[in-house]
Protein backbone atom coordinates (compact mmCIF):
# COMPACT_ATOMS: atom_id res chain seq x y z
CA MET A 1 -146.76 41.29 -46.18
CA SER A 2 -148.62 38.46 -44.45
CA ASP A 3 -146.76 35.47 -43.01
CA ARG A 4 -146.94 32.28 -45.04
CA PRO A 5 -148.25 29.24 -43.16
CA ARG A 6 -145.43 26.88 -42.23
CA SER A 7 -145.36 23.51 -43.90
CA LYS A 8 -146.93 20.51 -42.31
CA ALA A 9 -144.85 18.10 -44.34
CA LEU A 10 -142.16 17.20 -41.70
CA PRO A 11 -144.60 16.45 -38.78
CA GLY A 12 -146.95 14.80 -41.24
CA ILE A 13 -144.24 12.43 -42.58
CA LEU A 14 -142.96 11.59 -39.09
CA LEU A 15 -146.52 11.04 -37.91
CA SER A 16 -147.23 8.68 -40.78
CA LEU A 17 -143.97 6.71 -40.23
CA SER A 18 -144.87 6.37 -36.50
CA ALA A 19 -148.34 5.29 -37.21
CA LEU A 20 -147.03 2.79 -39.80
CA ILE A 21 -144.65 1.14 -37.23
CA VAL A 22 -147.15 1.12 -34.31
CA GLY A 23 -149.94 -0.22 -36.54
CA PHE A 24 -147.74 -2.97 -38.14
CA LEU A 25 -146.42 -4.19 -34.83
CA LEU A 26 -149.77 -3.99 -33.02
CA GLY A 27 -151.39 -5.81 -35.90
CA MET A 28 -148.86 -8.58 -35.62
CA TRP A 29 -149.38 -8.82 -31.96
CA LEU A 30 -153.15 -9.07 -32.35
CA GLY A 31 -152.69 -11.57 -35.24
CA SER A 32 -150.57 -13.91 -32.96
CA PHE A 33 -153.77 -14.53 -30.93
CA ASN A 34 -155.44 -15.85 -34.04
CA VAL A 35 -152.83 -18.49 -34.91
CA SER A 36 -152.79 -22.05 -33.52
CA LYS A 37 -150.17 -24.79 -33.88
CA ALA A 38 -152.44 -26.46 -36.35
CA ASP A 39 -151.85 -23.64 -38.81
CA GLY A 40 -148.20 -24.74 -39.31
CA LEU A 41 -146.28 -22.68 -41.82
CA ALA A 42 -149.43 -20.68 -42.68
CA GLY A 43 -149.27 -19.15 -39.18
CA GLY A 44 -146.45 -16.70 -40.21
CA ALA A 45 -148.47 -15.52 -43.17
CA ILE A 46 -151.58 -14.92 -40.99
CA VAL A 47 -149.57 -12.82 -38.54
CA LEU A 48 -147.95 -10.83 -41.34
CA ALA A 49 -151.43 -10.18 -42.86
CA TRP A 50 -152.66 -8.78 -39.51
CA GLY A 51 -149.51 -6.63 -39.31
CA LEU A 52 -150.17 -5.12 -42.79
CA LEU A 53 -153.83 -4.55 -41.92
CA GLY A 54 -152.86 -2.71 -38.69
CA ALA A 55 -150.24 -0.60 -40.55
CA LEU A 56 -152.81 0.38 -43.28
CA VAL A 57 -155.43 1.35 -40.69
CA LEU A 58 -153.18 3.58 -38.62
CA LEU A 59 -151.48 4.94 -41.67
CA GLY A 60 -154.90 6.00 -43.11
CA GLY A 61 -155.80 7.69 -39.82
CA ALA A 62 -152.41 9.46 -39.74
CA ILE A 63 -152.85 10.84 -43.35
CA ALA A 64 -156.34 11.98 -42.58
CA LEU A 65 -155.11 13.81 -39.48
CA TRP A 66 -152.25 15.31 -41.50
CA ALA A 67 -154.68 16.74 -44.02
CA ALA A 68 -157.20 18.09 -41.50
CA ALA A 69 -155.23 19.23 -38.40
CA ALA A 70 -152.98 22.21 -37.92
CA ARG A 71 -149.19 21.96 -37.84
CA ARG A 72 -149.04 22.45 -34.12
CA THR A 73 -151.64 19.78 -33.55
CA LEU A 74 -149.54 17.37 -35.62
CA TRP A 75 -146.48 18.07 -33.48
CA ARG A 76 -148.50 17.48 -30.29
CA VAL A 77 -149.77 14.16 -31.53
CA LEU A 78 -146.24 13.19 -32.73
CA ILE A 79 -144.78 13.97 -29.22
CA VAL A 80 -147.11 11.23 -27.93
CA LEU A 81 -147.11 8.79 -30.85
CA GLY A 82 -143.40 8.98 -31.62
CA PRO A 83 -142.12 7.74 -28.26
CA LEU A 84 -144.90 5.25 -28.22
CA ALA A 85 -143.82 3.85 -31.53
CA LEU A 86 -140.26 3.54 -30.26
CA ILE A 87 -141.43 1.81 -27.00
CA VAL A 88 -143.72 -0.55 -28.83
CA ALA A 89 -141.09 -1.38 -31.37
CA GLY A 90 -138.53 -2.00 -28.67
CA LEU A 91 -140.82 -4.25 -26.58
CA LEU A 92 -141.93 -6.34 -29.56
CA ILE A 93 -138.49 -6.70 -30.97
CA ALA A 94 -137.24 -7.81 -27.56
CA GLY A 95 -140.08 -10.33 -27.32
CA PHE A 96 -139.29 -11.57 -30.79
CA LEU A 97 -135.61 -12.05 -29.83
CA ARG A 98 -136.58 -13.87 -26.64
CA GLN A 99 -138.83 -16.11 -28.64
CA GLN A 100 -136.08 -16.88 -31.18
CA GLU A 101 -133.66 -17.62 -28.30
CA GLU A 102 -136.15 -19.96 -26.64
CA GLY A 103 -136.78 -21.79 -30.04
CA ARG A 104 -133.04 -22.16 -30.50
CA ARG A 105 -132.63 -23.44 -26.97
CA GLN A 106 -135.46 -26.00 -27.53
CA MET A 107 -133.91 -27.05 -30.86
CA GLU A 108 -130.55 -27.56 -29.20
CA GLU A 109 -132.15 -29.61 -26.40
CA GLU A 110 -134.05 -31.71 -28.97
CA MET A 111 -130.79 -32.34 -30.93
CA ARG A 112 -129.02 -33.35 -27.70
CA ARG A 113 -131.85 -35.71 -26.80
CA LEU A 114 -131.80 -37.28 -30.27
CA LYS A 115 -128.03 -37.82 -30.07
CA ARG A 116 -128.25 -39.33 -26.63
CA PRO A 117 -128.21 -43.22 -26.81
CA THR A 118 -130.72 -45.26 -24.98
CA ALA A 119 -129.71 -47.89 -22.46
CA PRO A 120 -126.96 -49.76 -24.27
CA ALA A 121 -127.61 -53.25 -25.59
CA ALA A 122 -124.99 -55.90 -25.76
CA PRO A 123 -122.57 -55.56 -28.71
CA LEU A 124 -123.61 -57.74 -31.64
CA GLU A 125 -121.76 -59.48 -34.39
CA PHE A 126 -123.60 -59.60 -37.67
CA LEU A 127 -123.21 -62.16 -40.30
CA PRO A 128 -122.19 -60.71 -43.72
CA VAL A 129 -125.10 -60.14 -46.03
CA SER A 130 -124.59 -60.36 -49.76
CA GLY A 131 -125.55 -57.73 -52.19
CA ARG A 132 -128.26 -59.87 -53.68
CA ALA A 133 -131.78 -59.36 -52.38
CA ALA A 134 -133.72 -62.32 -51.19
CA THR A 135 -137.06 -61.11 -52.51
CA GLU A 136 -138.62 -64.49 -52.61
CA GLY A 137 -138.61 -64.52 -48.86
CA ALA A 138 -139.99 -61.06 -48.23
CA VAL A 139 -143.47 -61.25 -46.59
CA VAL A 140 -144.26 -57.55 -47.25
CA MET A 141 -143.29 -55.62 -50.35
CA GLY A 142 -143.37 -52.31 -48.52
CA LEU A 143 -142.91 -48.85 -50.02
CA GLY A 144 -139.19 -49.04 -50.66
CA MET A 145 -136.01 -48.73 -48.53
CA ALA A 146 -134.77 -46.41 -45.87
CA ARG A 147 -131.02 -45.63 -45.68
CA PRO A 148 -129.81 -44.43 -42.19
CA ASP A 149 -127.22 -41.80 -41.95
CA LEU A 150 -124.12 -43.86 -41.16
CA THR A 151 -122.28 -40.72 -40.04
CA ALA A 152 -124.69 -40.03 -37.22
CA PRO A 153 -123.89 -41.50 -33.82
CA VAL A 154 -127.25 -43.09 -33.19
CA LEU A 155 -130.52 -44.16 -34.89
CA HIS A 156 -133.48 -44.02 -32.58
CA PHE A 157 -136.37 -46.47 -32.65
CA LEU A 158 -139.80 -45.20 -31.79
CA ASN A 159 -142.95 -47.15 -30.83
CA GLY A 160 -145.19 -44.92 -32.94
CA PRO A 161 -145.28 -42.12 -35.49
CA ASP A 162 -146.07 -39.55 -32.85
CA ALA A 163 -143.70 -40.79 -30.18
CA THR A 164 -141.15 -38.36 -28.83
CA GLU A 165 -139.05 -40.61 -26.76
CA ALA A 166 -136.98 -43.49 -28.16
CA SER A 167 -137.69 -47.01 -27.01
CA ASP A 168 -134.31 -48.37 -28.27
CA SER A 169 -131.51 -47.31 -30.54
CA LEU A 170 -128.77 -48.46 -32.91
CA VAL A 171 -125.36 -47.00 -31.97
CA LEU A 172 -122.87 -46.39 -34.69
CA GLU A 173 -119.22 -45.58 -34.58
CA GLN A 174 -116.64 -44.40 -37.04
CA VAL A 175 -113.72 -46.72 -37.73
CA ALA A 176 -110.78 -46.66 -40.09
CA HIS A 177 -112.66 -48.16 -42.97
CA GLY A 178 -116.01 -46.41 -42.49
CA SER A 179 -118.85 -47.11 -40.06
CA SER A 180 -119.46 -49.88 -37.61
CA ILE A 181 -122.31 -50.95 -35.42
CA ALA A 182 -121.29 -50.62 -31.75
CA GLN A 183 -124.52 -51.59 -30.17
CA ALA A 184 -127.89 -52.80 -31.44
CA PRO A 185 -131.04 -54.36 -30.13
CA PRO A 186 -130.94 -58.20 -30.22
CA TRP A 187 -133.87 -58.37 -32.66
CA PHE A 188 -132.27 -56.10 -35.18
CA VAL A 189 -132.07 -57.85 -38.59
CA PRO A 190 -131.92 -55.22 -41.47
CA ALA A 191 -132.97 -55.98 -45.00
CA HIS A 192 -129.30 -55.35 -46.17
CA LEU A 193 -126.18 -54.90 -44.17
CA LYS A 194 -122.62 -54.56 -45.72
CA LEU A 195 -120.98 -51.74 -43.84
CA ASP A 196 -117.59 -52.10 -45.75
CA TYR A 197 -119.61 -50.79 -48.74
CA ASP A 198 -121.62 -48.29 -46.57
CA ILE A 199 -124.76 -50.43 -47.02
CA LEU A 200 -127.46 -50.46 -44.29
CA LEU A 201 -131.01 -50.64 -45.66
CA LEU A 202 -134.33 -51.13 -43.90
CA ARG A 203 -137.52 -52.04 -45.70
CA VAL A 204 -140.08 -49.11 -45.47
CA LEU A 205 -143.60 -50.16 -44.45
CA ALA A 206 -145.31 -46.79 -43.80
CA VAL A 207 -144.55 -43.08 -43.82
CA SER A 208 -145.89 -40.17 -41.77
CA ARG A 209 -144.91 -36.50 -41.81
CA SER A 210 -142.18 -36.90 -39.14
CA ALA A 211 -141.36 -40.63 -39.01
CA VAL A 212 -140.93 -43.77 -41.13
CA GLU A 213 -142.03 -47.30 -40.15
CA VAL A 214 -139.34 -49.76 -41.06
CA GLU A 215 -138.98 -53.49 -40.87
CA VAL A 216 -136.32 -54.33 -38.23
CA ASN A 217 -136.78 -58.10 -38.31
CA GLY A 218 -138.23 -59.66 -41.43
CA PRO A 219 -138.43 -63.30 -40.25
CA GLN A 220 -140.30 -62.12 -37.06
CA ARG A 221 -142.24 -59.48 -38.91
CA MET A 222 -141.11 -56.82 -36.46
CA SER A 223 -141.23 -53.09 -37.26
CA ARG A 224 -140.32 -49.80 -35.54
CA TRP A 225 -140.68 -46.16 -36.38
CA VAL A 226 -137.59 -44.00 -36.93
CA PRO A 227 -137.32 -40.19 -37.21
CA ARG A 228 -137.75 -39.16 -40.79
CA ASP A 229 -134.72 -36.73 -40.62
CA GLN A 230 -132.45 -39.64 -39.58
CA VAL A 231 -132.96 -41.70 -42.77
CA GLN A 232 -132.95 -41.22 -46.46
CA LEU A 233 -136.30 -42.44 -47.87
CA LEU A 234 -135.95 -44.37 -51.18
CA LEU A 235 -139.27 -45.36 -52.68
CA TRP A 236 -139.05 -48.43 -54.94
CA PRO A 237 -138.67 -46.60 -58.28
CA GLU A 238 -135.83 -44.54 -56.93
CA PHE A 239 -134.19 -47.46 -55.14
CA LEU A 240 -134.37 -49.78 -58.18
CA LEU A 241 -132.68 -47.06 -60.32
CA GLY A 242 -129.80 -47.15 -57.92
CA VAL A 243 -129.11 -50.89 -57.96
CA TYR A 244 -126.45 -52.54 -60.12
CA ALA A 245 -128.63 -55.09 -61.96
CA LEU A 246 -132.10 -56.73 -61.96
CA GLU A 247 -133.26 -60.22 -62.66
CA PRO A 248 -136.87 -61.50 -63.01
CA LEU A 249 -138.01 -63.98 -60.40
CA ASP A 250 -139.96 -65.82 -63.09
CA PRO A 251 -138.25 -65.29 -66.46
CA ALA A 252 -140.92 -67.44 -68.19
CA GLY A 253 -143.89 -65.65 -66.77
CA ASP A 254 -142.42 -62.21 -66.74
CA PRO A 255 -139.91 -61.96 -69.66
CA LEU A 256 -138.13 -58.95 -70.96
CA ARG A 257 -140.53 -57.16 -73.46
CA ASN A 258 -140.07 -54.62 -76.20
CA LYS A 259 -142.75 -52.38 -74.70
CA PRO A 260 -144.21 -51.91 -71.15
CA LEU A 261 -147.26 -53.93 -71.98
CA ASP A 262 -148.23 -57.46 -70.90
CA HIS A 263 -149.08 -58.40 -74.46
CA ALA A 264 -145.89 -56.90 -75.99
CA ALA A 265 -143.40 -59.26 -77.78
CA PRO A 266 -140.82 -60.87 -75.48
CA ILE A 267 -137.14 -60.30 -76.12
CA THR A 268 -134.63 -63.07 -76.05
CA LEU A 269 -131.76 -62.32 -73.75
CA PRO A 270 -128.18 -63.11 -74.44
CA ALA A 271 -126.59 -65.76 -72.23
CA GLU A 272 -125.36 -64.37 -68.86
CA ALA A 273 -126.75 -60.90 -69.68
CA LEU A 274 -127.05 -58.37 -66.88
CA LEU A 275 -130.10 -56.10 -66.81
CA HIS A 276 -129.24 -52.52 -65.74
CA PRO A 277 -132.28 -50.27 -64.89
CA THR A 278 -132.49 -46.93 -66.64
CA VAL A 279 -136.18 -45.77 -66.46
CA VAL A 280 -139.13 -46.68 -64.18
CA ARG A 281 -142.64 -46.19 -65.58
CA GLY A 282 -145.39 -47.38 -63.28
CA GLN A 283 -145.02 -51.13 -62.81
CA TRP A 284 -142.37 -51.39 -65.51
CA VAL A 285 -138.66 -50.73 -65.63
CA ARG A 286 -136.61 -50.20 -68.81
CA VAL A 287 -133.33 -52.08 -68.71
CA THR A 288 -130.26 -52.37 -70.99
CA THR A 289 -128.26 -55.51 -71.11
CA GLU A 290 -124.60 -56.04 -70.61
CA GLY A 291 -123.49 -59.34 -72.18
CA PRO A 292 -120.06 -60.73 -72.76
CA GLU A 293 -117.49 -58.37 -74.09
CA GLY A 294 -118.31 -57.39 -77.67
CA GLY A 295 -121.78 -59.00 -77.37
CA GLN A 296 -125.01 -57.35 -78.53
CA VAL A 297 -126.57 -54.73 -76.27
CA VAL A 298 -130.35 -55.30 -75.85
CA GLU A 299 -132.95 -52.82 -74.45
CA GLY A 300 -136.34 -53.75 -73.18
CA TRP A 301 -139.01 -53.47 -70.38
CA LEU A 302 -139.29 -55.66 -67.36
CA ARG A 303 -142.34 -55.77 -65.00
CA TRP A 304 -140.96 -55.21 -61.55
CA THR A 305 -144.22 -55.33 -59.52
CA ASP A 306 -147.78 -56.47 -59.66
CA GLY A 307 -148.77 -53.97 -56.99
CA GLU A 308 -148.48 -56.41 -54.08
CA ARG A 309 -145.08 -58.01 -54.53
CA LEU A 310 -141.74 -57.50 -56.21
CA LEU A 311 -141.32 -59.53 -59.39
CA VAL A 312 -137.52 -58.98 -59.57
CA ARG A 313 -134.48 -59.64 -57.47
CA TYR A 314 -131.78 -57.04 -57.42
CA ASP A 315 -128.00 -56.87 -57.06
CA LEU A 316 -126.70 -54.00 -55.03
CA LEU A 317 -123.09 -54.59 -56.00
CA SER A 318 -121.41 -55.62 -59.23
């Protein structure tokens, strides 16, 4: 009785797995040379695609060798390719871990840099600012408001959207009733400041991917850039929906109307009615009134901007 040929399944499977690992990792290594910083988040997908391509190429070659070669030949190839797969995997994994550690170290250094105050300015005492907006005096409408994180120790001011070093800073401290400004530049005049209600707002003039240009002194028309991750960006529609009440600057020229149209019929407001915003649609905001107790509730539309300036004043607090 003739001997039956021994199966090639085991060396073939091991060879295919080794080829898959080596091909995937080598493909990713080659793909890393085809990625630039400009690729951003797409860089990871490009490297992954190269890895898959390498895995498929070497896997195809391993399967072809499995089908054509003798069992002994497969074992001989596996003796070389198997350890090579382990070595390549170990080296690339070690390199990946070093890269992750380096990225973590750079991130920690950047966080320490952002938390480090610049040269301290003299402590300032701010006059209390009411919750009502002085929109009549605003030179620039801007895009909305920026709300700094009052729990952070410092807000850095930059000289440009791509600047990496702070030119000045606002230093905050936590006190019994909330937050307080410990140090600030002498020119710092925010749009709204009432820290006992956690209110600190800066008018937004421009936005980039990583920074926000804010007005730091309206009367002097001064602006600075701040890191985008240090403030909450509130564009006008979102900001207006968060205020307590609105009031038209020109009630005769911009009355409350029953539809968001310039030719829609005006609505007569009850005396001393408060207009609470509920919906923003384009240049119009829907409001509901709050009159004297037991009075009629009226709903209508108010034009809040003409595209260049605010047509309403707002109350931040009741």
